PDB file of N, CA and C in Angstrom:
ATOM      1  N   UNK A   1       0.774  -1.174  -0.028  1.00  0.00           N
ATOM      2  CA  UNK A   1       0.244   0.050  -0.167  1.00  0.00           C
ATOM      3  C   UNK A   1       0.932   1.413   0.011  1.00  0.00           C
ATOM      4  N   UNK A   2       0.159   2.286  -0.469  1.00  0.00           N
ATOM      5  CA  UNK A   2       0.920   3.451  -0.319  1.00  0.00           C
ATOM      6  C   UNK A   2       0.677   4.302   0.787  1.00  0.00           C
ATOM      7  N   UNK A   3       1.547   5.142   1.014  1.00  0.00           N
ATOM      8  CA  UNK A   3       1.245   6.062   2.423  1.00  0.00           C
ATOM      9  C   UNK A   3       0.565   7.194   1.804  1.00  0.00           C
ATOM     10  N   UNK A   4      -0.590   7.499   2.632  1.00  0.00           N
ATOM     11  CA  UNK A   4      -1.663   8.567   2.318  1.00  0.00           C
ATOM     12  C   UNK A   4      -1.246   9.757   3.494  1.00  0.00           C
ATOM     13  N   UNK A   5      -1.621  11.141   2.950  1.00  0.00           N
ATOM     14  CA  UNK A   5      -1.378  12.220   3.612  1.00  0.00           C
ATOM     15  C   UNK A   5      -2.971  12.640   4.134  1.00  0.00           C
ATOM     16  N   UNK A   6      -2.850  12.931   5.460  1.00  0.00           N
ATOM     17  CA  UNK A   6      -3.965  13.308   6.243  1.00  0.00           C
ATOM     18  C   UNK A   6      -3.769  14.678   6.775  1.00  0.00           C
ATOM     19  N   UNK A   7      -5.038  15.400   6.583  1.00  0.00           N
ATOM     20  CA  UNK A   7      -5.088  16.678   6.950  1.00  0.00           C
ATOM     21  C   UNK A   7      -6.177  16.699   8.336  1.00  0.00           C
ATOM     22  N   UNK A   8      -6.135  16.392   9.382  1.00  0.00           N
ATOM     23  CA  UNK A   8      -7.308  16.072  10.472  1.00  0.00           C
ATOM     24  C   UNK A   8      -7.602  17.539  11.369  1.00  0.00           C
ATOM     25  N   UNK A   9      -8.927  17.509  10.972  1.00  0.00           N
ATOM     26  CA  UNK A   9      -9.437  18.803  11.662  1.00  0.00           C
ATOM     27  C   UNK A   9     -10.559  18.311  12.749  1.00  0.00           C
ATOM     28  N   UNK A  10     -11.014  17.069  12.681  1.00  0.00           N
ATOM     29  CA  UNK A  10     -11.994  16.491  13.684  1.00  0.00           C
ATOM     30  C   UNK A  10     -11.370  15.965  15.070  1.00  0.00           C
ATOM     31  N   UNK A  11     -11.330  17.022  15.885  1.00  0.00           N
ATOM     32  CA  UNK A  11     -10.675  16.479  17.261  1.00  0.00           C
ATOM     33  C   UNK A  11     -12.058  16.177  18.424  1.00  0.00           C
ATOM     34  N   UNK A  12     -12.115  14.999  18.702  1.00  0.00           N
ATOM     35  CA  UNK A  12     -11.264  14.036  18.939  1.00  0.00           C
ATOM     36  C   UNK A  12     -11.181  13.196  17.457  1.00  0.00           C
ATOM     37  N   UNK A  13      -9.853  12.744  17.107  1.00  0.00           N
ATOM     38  CA  UNK A  13     -10.049  12.013  15.914  1.00  0.00           C
ATOM     39  C   UNK A  13      -9.777  10.310  16.414  1.00  0.00           C
ATOM     40  N   UNK A  14     -10.403   9.435  15.616  1.00  0.00           N
ATOM     41  CA  UNK A  14     -10.453   8.299  15.973  1.00  0.00           C
ATOM     42  C   UNK A  14     -10.156   7.579  14.587  1.00  0.00           C
ATOM     43  N   UNK A  15      -9.048   6.617  14.717  1.00  0.00           N
ATOM     44  CA  UNK A  15      -8.469   5.780  13.566  1.00  0.00           C
ATOM     45  C   UNK A  15      -9.479   4.802  13.531  1.00  0.00           C
ATOM     46  N   UNK A  16     -10.278   4.773  12.346  1.00  0.00           N
ATOM     47  CA  UNK A  16     -11.177   3.966  11.981  1.00  0.00           C
ATOM     48  C   UNK A  16     -11.013   2.974  10.857  1.00  0.00           C
ATOM     49  N   UNK A  17      -9.738   3.077  10.588  1.00  0.00           N
ATOM     50  CA  UNK A  17      -9.242   2.392   9.330  1.00  0.00           C
ATOM     51  C   UNK A  17      -8.341   0.987   9.730  1.00  0.00           C
ATOM     52  N   UNK A  18      -7.950   0.533   9.021  1.00  0.00           N
ATOM     53  CA  UNK A  18      -7.385  -0.700   9.275  1.00  0.00           C
ATOM     54  C   UNK A  18      -5.645  -0.745   8.960  1.00  0.00           C
ATOM     55  N   UNK A  19      -5.286   0.655   9.229  1.00  0.00           N
ATOM     56  CA  UNK A  19      -4.052   1.180   8.980  1.00  0.00           C
ATOM     57  C   UNK A  19      -3.419   1.825  10.305  1.00  0.00           C
ATOM     58  N   UNK A  20      -2.407   2.105  10.148  1.00  0.00           N
ATOM     59  CA  UNK A  20      -1.757   3.029  11.355  1.00  0.00           C
ATOM     60  C   UNK A  20      -1.713   4.603  10.985  1.00  0.00           C
ATOM     61  N   UNK A  21      -2.019   5.570  11.577  1.00  0.00           N
ATOM     62  CA  UNK A  21      -1.716   6.733  11.533  1.00  0.00           C
ATOM     63  C   UNK A  21      -0.454   7.323  12.340  1.00  0.00           C
ATOM     64  N   UNK A  22       0.423   8.308  11.594  1.00  0.00           N
ATOM     65  CA  UNK A  22       1.521   8.839  12.423  1.00  0.00           C
ATOM     66  C   UNK A  22       1.059  10.149  12.434  1.00  0.00           C
ATOM     67  N   UNK A  23       1.337  10.930  13.325  1.00  0.00           N
ATOM     68  CA  UNK A  23       1.250  12.513  13.608  1.00  0.00           C
ATOM     69  C   UNK A  23       2.757  12.876  13.624  1.00  0.00           C
ATOM     70  N   UNK A  24       2.502  14.062  12.381  1.00  0.00           N
ATOM     71  CA  UNK A  24       3.520  14.645  12.273  1.00  0.00           C
ATOM     72  C   UNK A  24       3.503  16.156  12.853  1.00  0.00           C
ATOM     73  N   UNK A  25       2.454  16.770  12.877  1.00  0.00           N
ATOM     74  CA  UNK A  25       2.586  18.055  13.541  1.00  0.00           C
ATOM     75  C   UNK A  25       1.391  18.454  13.861  1.00  0.00           C
ATOM     76  N   UNK A  26       1.241  19.118  14.807  1.00  0.00           N
ATOM     77  CA  UNK A  26      -0.108  19.556  15.199  1.00  0.00           C
ATOM     78  C   UNK A  26      -0.343  21.035  15.584  1.00  0.00           C
ATOM     79  N   UNK A  27      -1.341  21.728  15.867  1.00  0.00           N
ATOM     80  CA  UNK A  27      -1.719  23.146  16.233  1.00  0.00           C
ATOM     81  C   UNK A  27      -2.751  22.974  17.096  1.00  0.00           C
ATOM     82  N   UNK A  28      -2.714  23.806  18.211  1.00  0.00           N
ATOM     83  CA  UNK A  28      -3.876  24.105  19.068  1.00  0.00           C
ATOM     84  C   UNK A  28      -4.430  25.369  18.791  1.00  0.00           C
ATOM     85  N   UNK A  29      -5.424  25.565  19.295  1.00  0.00           N
ATOM     86  CA  UNK A  29      -6.129  27.071  19.327  1.00  0.00           C
ATOM     87  C   UNK A  29      -6.430  27.826  20.818  1.00  0.00           C
ATOM     88  N   UNK A  30      -6.017  28.871  20.828  1.00  0.00           N
ATOM     89  CA  UNK A  30      -5.674  29.929  19.884  1.00  0.00           C
ATOM     90  C   UNK A  30      -4.328  29.466  19.382  1.00  0.00           C
ATOM     91  N   UNK A  31      -3.879  30.138  17.907  1.00  0.00           N
ATOM     92  CA  UNK A  31      -2.649  29.950  17.621  1.00  0.00           C
ATOM     93  C   UNK A  31      -1.382  30.347  18.111  1.00  0.00           C
ATOM     94  N   UNK A  32      -1.162  31.710  18.044  1.00  0.00           N
ATOM     95  CA  UNK A  32       0.039  32.269  18.634  1.00  0.00           C
ATOM     96  C   UNK A  32      -0.370  33.356  19.544  1.00  0.00           C
ATOM     97  N   UNK A  33       0.100  33.069  20.870  1.00  0.00           N
ATOM     98  CA  UNK A  33       0.053  34.371  21.614  1.00  0.00           C
ATOM     99  C   UNK A  33       1.110  35.588  21.174  1.00  0.00           C
ATOM    100  N   UNK A  34       0.422  36.893  21.629  1.00  0.00           N
ATOM    101  CA  UNK A  34       1.496  37.614  21.585  1.00  0.00           C
ATOM    102  C   UNK A  34       2.774  37.866  21.619  1.00  0.00           C
ATOM    103  N   UNK A  35       3.362  37.043  22.500  1.00  0.00           N
ATOM    104  CA  UNK A  35       4.548  36.933  22.878  1.00  0.00           C
ATOM    105  C   UNK A  35       5.538  36.405  21.689  1.00  0.00           C
ATOM    106  N   UNK A  36       4.905  35.616  20.671  1.00  0.00           N
ATOM    107  CA  UNK A  36       5.517  35.017  19.738  1.00  0.00           C
ATOM    108  C   UNK A  36       5.898  33.489  19.809  1.00  0.00           C
ATOM    109  N   UNK A  37       5.451  32.926  20.892  1.00  0.00           N
ATOM    110  CA  UNK A  37       5.504  31.380  20.890  1.00  0.00           C
ATOM    111  C   UNK A  37       4.677  30.885  21.405  1.00  0.00           C
ATOM    112  N   UNK A  38       4.208  29.561  21.294  1.00  0.00           N
ATOM    113  CA  UNK A  38       2.909  28.531  21.606  1.00  0.00           C
ATOM    114  C   UNK A  38       3.449  27.007  21.817  1.00  0.00           C
ATOM    115  N   UNK A  39       2.702  26.577  22.671  1.00  0.00           N
ATOM    116  CA  UNK A  39       2.752  25.251  22.746  1.00  0.00           C
ATOM    117  C   UNK A  39       1.661  24.669  22.300  1.00  0.00           C
ATOM    118  N   UNK A  40       1.831  23.653  21.829  1.00  0.00           N
ATOM    119  CA  UNK A  40       0.633  22.540  21.158  1.00  0.00           C
ATOM    120  C   UNK A  40       0.940  20.954  21.795  1.00  0.00           C
ATOM    121  N   UNK A  41      -0.353  20.312  22.143  1.00  0.00           N
ATOM    122  CA  UNK A  41      -0.131  19.248  22.577  1.00  0.00           C
ATOM    123  C   UNK A  41      -1.372  18.390  22.097  1.00  0.00           C
ATOM    124  N   UNK A  42      -1.276  17.065  22.164  1.00  0.00           N
ATOM    125  CA  UNK A  42      -2.417  16.127  22.045  1.00  0.00           C
ATOM    126  C   UNK A  42      -2.338  14.878  22.779  1.00  0.00           C
ATOM    127  N   UNK A  43      -3.075  14.482  22.947  1.00  0.00           N
ATOM    128  CA  UNK A  43      -3.134  13.112  23.662  1.00  0.00           C
ATOM    129  C   UNK A  43      -3.731  11.582  22.897  1.00  0.00           C
ATOM    130  N   UNK A  44      -2.841  10.720  23.076  1.00  0.00           N
ATOM    131  CA  UNK A  44      -3.373   9.392  22.579  1.00  0.00           C
ATOM    132  C   UNK A  44      -4.061   8.540  23.687  1.00  0.00           C
ATOM    133  N   UNK A  45      -5.143   7.992  23.208  1.00  0.00           N
ATOM    134  CA  UNK A  45      -5.697   6.926  23.909  1.00  0.00           C
ATOM    135  C   UNK A  45      -6.150   5.471  23.455  1.00  0.00           C
ATOM    136  N   UNK A  46      -6.260   4.583  24.149  1.00  0.00           N
ATOM    137  CA  UNK A  46      -6.297   3.218  23.448  1.00  0.00           C
ATOM    138  C   UNK A  46      -7.712   2.979  23.384  1.00  0.00           C
ATOM    139  N   UNK A  47      -8.135   1.985  22.604  1.00  0.00           N
ATOM    140  CA  UNK A  47      -9.466   1.507  22.481  1.00  0.00           C
ATOM    141  C   UNK A  47     -10.548   1.368  23.649  1.00  0.00           C
ATOM    142  N   UNK A  48      -9.867   1.329  24.698  1.00  0.00           N
ATOM    143  CA  UNK A  48     -10.567   1.610  26.072  1.00  0.00           C
ATOM    144  C   UNK A  48     -10.834   2.764  26.603  1.00  0.00           C
ATOM    145  N   UNK A  49     -10.372   3.814  26.093  1.00  0.00           N
ATOM    146  CA  UNK A  49     -10.224   5.237  26.677  1.00  0.00           C
ATOM    147  C   UNK A  49      -9.189   5.668  27.588  1.00  0.00           C
ATOM    148  N   UNK A  50      -8.097   4.666  27.736  1.00  0.00           N
ATOM    149  CA  UNK A  50      -7.195   4.741  28.641  1.00  0.00           C
ATOM    150  C   UNK A  50      -6.267   5.855  28.208  1.00  0.00           C
ATOM    151  N   UNK A  51      -5.683   6.775  28.392  1.00  0.00           N
ATOM    152  CA  UNK A  51      -4.699   7.688  28.131  1.00  0.00           C
ATOM    153  C   UNK A  51      -3.094   6.946  28.213  1.00  0.00           C
ATOM    154  N   UNK A  52      -2.513   7.047  27.021  1.00  0.00           N
ATOM    155  CA  UNK A  52      -1.265   6.010  26.903  1.00  0.00           C
ATOM    156  C   UNK A  52       0.078   7.167  26.344  1.00  0.00           C
ATOM    157  N   UNK A  53      -0.430   8.236  25.988  1.00  0.00           N
ATOM    158  CA  UNK A  53       0.788   8.842  25.324  1.00  0.00           C
ATOM    159  C   UNK A  53       0.573  10.271  24.650  1.00  0.00           C
ATOM    160  N   UNK A  54       1.304  11.403  24.487  1.00  0.00           N
ATOM    161  CA  UNK A  54       0.999  12.735  24.399  1.00  0.00           C
ATOM    162  C   UNK A  54       2.010  12.931  23.174  1.00  0.00           C
ATOM    163  N   UNK A  55       1.708  14.093  22.545  1.00  0.00           N
ATOM    164  CA  UNK A  55       2.669  14.706  21.275  1.00  0.00           C
ATOM    165  C   UNK A  55       2.748  16.032  21.922  1.00  0.00           C
ATOM    166  N   UNK A  56       3.724  16.509  22.300  1.00  0.00           N
ATOM    167  CA  UNK A  56       3.891  17.992  22.445  1.00  0.00           C
ATOM    168  C   UNK A  56       5.029  18.994  21.635  1.00  0.00           C
ATOM    169  N   UNK A  57       4.462  19.768  20.756  1.00  0.00           N
ATOM    170  CA  UNK A  57       5.089  20.599  19.840  1.00  0.00           C
ATOM    171  C   UNK A  57       5.346  22.206  20.395  1.00  0.00           C
ATOM    172  N   UNK A  58       6.483  22.449  20.581  1.00  0.00           N
ATOM    173  CA  UNK A  58       6.842  23.890  21.081  1.00  0.00           C
ATOM    174  C   UNK A  58       7.394  24.652  20.051  1.00  0.00           C
ATOM    175  N   UNK A  59       6.633  25.989  20.093  1.00  0.00           N
ATOM    176  CA  UNK A  59       7.498  26.731  19.084  1.00  0.00           C
ATOM    177  C   UNK A  59       7.955  28.219  19.902  1.00  0.00           C
ATOM    178  N   UNK A  60       8.699  28.596  19.694  1.00  0.00           N
ATOM    179  CA  UNK A  60       9.059  30.113  20.331  1.00  0.00           C
ATOM    180  C   UNK A  60       9.701  30.976  19.619  1.00  0.00           C
ATOM    181  N   UNK A  61       9.745  32.071  19.827  1.00  0.00           N
ATOM    182  CA  UNK A  61      10.510  33.247  18.934  1.00  0.00           C
ATOM    183  C   UNK A  61      10.288  34.539  19.317  1.00  0.00           C
ATOM    184  N   UNK A  62      11.433  35.428  19.180  1.00  0.00           N
ATOM    185  CA  UNK A  62      11.162  36.629  19.727  1.00  0.00           C
ATOM    186  C   UNK A  62      11.056  37.616  18.688  1.00  0.00           C
ATOM    187  N   UNK A  63      10.293  38.636  18.752  1.00  0.00           N
ATOM    188  CA  UNK A  63      10.342  39.598  17.863  1.00  0.00           C
ATOM    189  C   UNK A  63      10.913  41.176  17.970  1.00  0.00           C
ATOM    190  N   UNK A  64      10.962  41.863  17.289  1.00  0.00           N
ATOM    191  CA  UNK A  64      11.734  42.931  17.281  1.00  0.00           C
ATOM    192  C   UNK A  64      11.050  43.887  18.216  1.00  0.00           C
ATOM    193  N   UNK A  65       9.619  43.736  18.033  1.00  0.00           N
ATOM    194  CA  UNK A  65       9.305  44.801  19.128  1.00  0.00           C
ATOM    195  C   UNK A  65       9.226  44.475  20.690  1.00  0.00           C
ATOM    196  N   UNK A  66       9.382  43.022  20.845  1.00  0.00           N
ATOM    197  CA  UNK A  66       9.621  42.446  22.218  1.00  0.00           C
ATOM    198  C   UNK A  66      11.067  42.658  22.727  1.00  0.00           C
ATOM    199  N   UNK A  67      12.118  42.660  21.745  1.00  0.00           N
ATOM    200  CA  UNK A  67      13.525  42.589  22.027  1.00  0.00           C
ATOM    201  C   UNK A  67      14.192  43.664  21.893  1.00  0.00           C
ATOM    202  N   UNK A  68      13.854  44.708  21.061  1.00  0.00           N
ATOM    203  CA  UNK A  68      14.368  45.772  20.691  1.00  0.00           C
ATOM    204  C   UNK A  68      15.449  45.828  19.871  1.00  0.00           C
ATOM    205  N   UNK A  69      15.805  44.455  19.608  1.00  0.00           N
ATOM    206  CA  UNK A  69      16.856  44.237  18.472  1.00  0.00           C
ATOM    207  C   UNK A  69      16.491  44.710  17.033  1.00  0.00           C
ATOM    208  N   UNK A  70      17.576  45.042  16.363  1.00  0.00           N
ATOM    209  CA  UNK A  70      17.286  45.394  14.947  1.00  0.00           C
ATOM    210  C   UNK A  70      17.023  44.155  13.968  1.00  0.00           C
ATOM    211  N   UNK A  71      16.823  42.783  14.253  1.00  0.00           N
ATOM    212  CA  UNK A  71      16.682  41.826  13.637  1.00  0.00           C
ATOM    213  C   UNK A  71      15.308  41.242  14.253  1.00  0.00           C
ATOM    214  N   UNK A  72      14.864  39.909  13.788  1.00  0.00           N
ATOM    215  CA  UNK A  72      13.919  38.963  14.454  1.00  0.00           C
ATOM    216  C   UNK A  72      14.730  37.626  14.375  1.00  0.00           C
ATOM    217  N   UNK A  73      14.437  37.150  15.769  1.00  0.00           N
ATOM    218  CA  UNK A  73      15.245  36.116  15.961  1.00  0.00           C
ATOM    219  C   UNK A  73      13.769  34.939  16.319  1.00  0.00           C
ATOM    220  N   UNK A  74      13.895  33.767  15.444  1.00  0.00           N
ATOM    221  CA  UNK A  74      12.691  32.799  16.058  1.00  0.00           C
ATOM    222  C   UNK A  74      13.362  31.507  15.942  1.00  0.00           C
ATOM    223  N   UNK A  75      12.835  30.543  16.778  1.00  0.00           N
ATOM    224  CA  UNK A  75      13.323  29.126  16.838  1.00  0.00           C
ATOM    225  C   UNK A  75      12.035  28.132  16.716  1.00  0.00           C
ATOM    226  N   UNK A  76      12.297  27.175  16.469  1.00  0.00           N
ATOM    227  CA  UNK A  76      11.020  26.128  16.569  1.00  0.00           C
ATOM    228  C   UNK A  76      11.578  24.542  16.856  1.00  0.00           C
ATOM    229  N   UNK A  77      11.058  24.089  17.537  1.00  0.00           N
ATOM    230  CA  UNK A  77      11.542  22.387  17.890  1.00  0.00           C
ATOM    231  C   UNK A  77      10.284  22.229  18.476  1.00  0.00           C
ATOM    232  N   UNK A  78      10.309  20.485  18.406  1.00  0.00           N
ATOM    233  CA  UNK A  78       9.441  19.631  18.978  1.00  0.00           C
ATOM    234  C   UNK A  78      10.196  18.659  19.809  1.00  0.00           C
ATOM    235  N   UNK A  79       9.144  18.032  20.716  1.00  0.00           N
ATOM    236  CA  UNK A  79       9.769  16.744  21.764  1.00  0.00           C
ATOM    237  C   UNK A  79      10.120  15.640  20.672  1.00  0.00           C
ATOM    238  N   UNK A  80      11.190  15.056  21.064  1.00  0.00           N
ATOM    239  CA  UNK A  80      11.609  13.912  20.321  1.00  0.00           C
ATOM    240  C   UNK A  80      10.584  12.573  20.550  1.00  0.00           C
ATOM    241  N   UNK A  81       9.518  12.492  20.131  1.00  0.00           N
ATOM    242  CA  UNK A  81       8.696  11.446  20.187  1.00  0.00           C
ATOM    243  C   UNK A  81       7.943  11.115  18.897  1.00  0.00           C
ATOM    244  N   UNK A  82       7.185   9.962  18.721  1.00  0.00           N
ATOM    245  CA  UNK A  82       6.606   9.493  17.909  1.00  0.00           C
ATOM    246  C   UNK A  82       5.354   9.029  18.311  1.00  0.00           C
ATOM    247  N   UNK A  83       4.235   9.526  17.771  1.00  0.00           N
ATOM    248  CA  UNK A  83       2.791   9.188  18.078  1.00  0.00           C
ATOM    249  C   UNK A  83       2.165   8.183  17.075  1.00  0.00           C
ATOM    250  N   UNK A  84       2.030   6.893  17.086  1.00  0.00           N
ATOM    251  CA  UNK A  84       1.201   6.359  15.902  1.00  0.00           C
ATOM    252  C   UNK A  84      -0.112   5.898  16.596  1.00  0.00           C
ATOM    253  N   UNK A  85      -1.031   5.829  15.911  1.00  0.00           N
ATOM    254  CA  UNK A  85      -2.323   5.749  16.267  1.00  0.00           C
ATOM    255  C   UNK A  85      -2.742   4.372  15.484  1.00  0.00           C
ATOM    256  N   UNK A  86      -2.767   3.364  16.430  1.00  0.00           N
ATOM    257  CA  UNK A  86      -3.371   1.928  15.976  1.00  0.00           C
ATOM    258  C   UNK A  86      -4.985   2.138  15.291  1.00  0.00           C
ATOM    259  N   UNK A  87      -5.155   1.203  14.910  1.00  0.00           N
ATOM    260  CA  UNK A  87      -6.664   1.082  14.139  1.00  0.00           C
ATOM    261  C   UNK A  87      -7.581   0.917  15.778  1.00  0.00           C
ATOM    262  N   UNK A  88      -8.661   1.699  15.856  1.00  0.00           N
ATOM    263  CA  UNK A  88      -9.401   1.851  17.004  1.00  0.00           C
ATOM    264  C   UNK A  88      -8.922   2.802  18.044  1.00  0.00           C
ATOM    265  N   UNK A  89      -7.825   3.368  18.231  1.00  0.00           N
ATOM    266  CA  UNK A  89      -7.367   3.995  19.118  1.00  0.00           C
ATOM    267  C   UNK A  89      -7.623   5.664  18.615  1.00  0.00           C
ATOM    268  N   UNK A  90      -7.436   6.557  19.443  1.00  0.00           N
ATOM    269  CA  UNK A  90      -8.039   7.998  19.224  1.00  0.00           C
ATOM    270  C   UNK A  90      -6.800   9.266  19.729  1.00  0.00           C
ATOM    271  N   UNK A  91      -6.983  10.081  18.964  1.00  0.00           N
ATOM    272  CA  UNK A  91      -6.230  11.215  19.409  1.00  0.00           C
ATOM    273  C   UNK A  91      -6.930  12.509  19.685  1.00  0.00           C
ATOM    274  N   UNK A  92      -6.899  13.050  20.905  1.00  0.00           N
ATOM    275  CA  UNK A  92      -7.667  14.328  21.327  1.00  0.00           C
ATOM    276  C   UNK A  92      -6.856  15.395  21.649  1.00  0.00           C
ATOM    277  N   UNK A  93      -7.717  16.594  21.732  1.00  0.00           N
ATOM    278  CA  UNK A  93      -6.815  17.946  22.131  1.00  0.00           C
ATOM    279  C   UNK A  93      -6.056  18.333  21.589  1.00  0.00           C
ATOM    280  N   UNK A  94      -6.147  18.255  20.479  1.00  0.00           N
ATOM    281  CA  UNK A  94      -5.027  19.079  19.581  1.00  0.00           C
ATOM    282  C   UNK A  94      -5.482  20.095  18.451  1.00  0.00           C
ATOM    283  N   UNK A  95      -6.557  20.209  18.001  1.00  0.00           N
ATOM    284  CA  UNK A  95      -6.913  21.197  17.205  1.00  0.00           C
ATOM    285  C   UNK A  95      -6.988  20.857  15.576  1.00  0.00           C
ATOM    286  N   UNK A  96      -5.803  20.603  14.992  1.00  0.00           N
ATOM    287  CA  UNK A  96      -5.385  20.132  13.824  1.00  0.00           C
ATOM    288  C   UNK A  96      -4.457  19.661  13.566  1.00  0.00           C
ATOM    289  N   UNK A  97      -4.184  18.738  12.820  1.00  0.00           N
ATOM    290  CA  UNK A  97      -3.110  17.756  12.652  1.00  0.00           C
ATOM    291  C   UNK A  97      -2.526  17.592  11.374  1.00  0.00           C
ATOM    292  N   UNK A  98      -1.503  17.166  11.286  1.00  0.00           N
ATOM    293  CA  UNK A  98      -1.004  16.756   9.872  1.00  0.00           C
ATOM    294  C   UNK A  98      -0.135  15.273  10.261  1.00  0.00           C
ATOM    295  N   UNK A  99      -0.686  14.160   9.383  1.00  0.00           N
ATOM    296  CA  UNK A  99      -0.313  12.969   9.623  1.00  0.00           C
ATOM    297  C   UNK A  99      -0.160  12.048   8.367  1.00  0.00           C
ATOM    298  N   UNK A 100       0.318  10.990   8.613  1.00  0.00           N
ATOM    299  CA  UNK A 100       0.338  10.102   7.342  1.00  0.00           C
ATOM    300  C   UNK A 100      -0.483   8.677   7.856  1.00  0.00           C
ATOM    301  N   UNK A 101      -0.619   8.119   6.888  1.00  0.00           N
ATOM    302  CA  UNK A 101      -1.460   7.046   7.225  1.00  0.00           C
ATOM    303  C   UNK A 101      -0.803   5.474   5.992  1.00  0.00           C
ATOM    304  N   UNK A 102      -0.913   4.322   6.833  1.00  0.00           N
ATOM    305  CA  UNK A 102      -0.498   3.160   5.981  1.00  0.00           C
ATOM    306  C   UNK A 102       0.256   2.016   6.952  1.00  0.00           C
ATOM    307  N   UNK A 103       0.710   1.089   6.308  1.00  0.00           N
ATOM    308  CA  UNK A 103       1.142   0.007   7.212  1.00  0.00           C
ATOM    309  C   UNK A 103       2.018   0.520   8.422  1.00  0.00           C
ATOM    310  N   UNK A 104       2.227  -0.495   9.457  1.00  0.00           N
ATOM    311  CA  UNK A 104       3.219   0.185  10.411  1.00  0.00           C
ATOM    312  C   UNK A 104       4.585   0.431  10.020  1.00  0.00           C
ATOM    313  N   UNK A 105       4.977  -0.735   9.059  1.00  0.00           N
ATOM    314  CA  UNK A 105       6.343  -0.317   8.216  1.00  0.00           C
ATOM    315  C   UNK A 105       6.449   0.955   7.612  1.00  0.00           C
ATOM    316  N   UNK A 106       5.369   1.437   6.699  1.00  0.00           N
ATOM    317  CA  UNK A 106       5.409   2.690   6.186  1.00  0.00           C
ATOM    318  C   UNK A 106       5.416   3.744   6.899  1.00  0.00           C
ATOM    319  N   UNK A 107       4.806   3.902   8.057  1.00  0.00           N
ATOM    320  CA  UNK A 107       4.569   4.878   8.771  1.00  0.00           C
ATOM    321  C   UNK A 107       6.079   5.202   9.805  1.00  0.00           C
ATOM    322  N   UNK A 108       6.400   4.248  10.168  1.00  0.00           N
ATOM    323  CA  UNK A 108       7.939   4.224  10.735  1.00  0.00           C
ATOM    324  C   UNK A 108       8.954   4.547   9.816  1.00  0.00           C
ATOM    325  N   UNK A 109       8.852   4.595   8.659  1.00  0.00           N
ATOM    326  CA  UNK A 109       9.934   4.891   7.674  1.00  0.00           C
ATOM    327  C   UNK A 109       9.913   6.418   7.589  1.00  0.00           C
ATOM    328  N   UNK A 110       8.753   7.283   7.565  1.00  0.00           N
ATOM    329  CA  UNK A 110       8.852   8.831   7.507  1.00  0.00           C
ATOM    330  C   UNK A 110       9.678   9.319   8.759  1.00  0.00           C
ATOM    331  N   UNK A 111      10.551  10.328   8.022  1.00  0.00           N
ATOM    332  CA  UNK A 111      11.180  11.145   9.041  1.00  0.00           C
ATOM    333  C   UNK A 111      10.899  12.484   9.127  1.00  0.00           C
TER     334      UNK A 111
END
């Protein structure tokens, strides 16, 4: 099978397919506060509703108004973690997400 790209806007999202879904990026609402940085997170639940994991994305930055420097500095990073949603499991409290869907071997190969 070929990997499928998913743009997930339904929160909570339940993987109702027979394939695996790997979360690549998320964004919570509201988007970014005035200070130029934000945290986004989402929670993974098994088929029985037990929370079993989370995904946390951090972005931060400084802008010229806040720092008084003649340039803008920004940086972004995410926690080094992989969230894979098996069939029947759900992902909640995330806003929107970008993901890929396929066999377990296919989604594990995505870097």
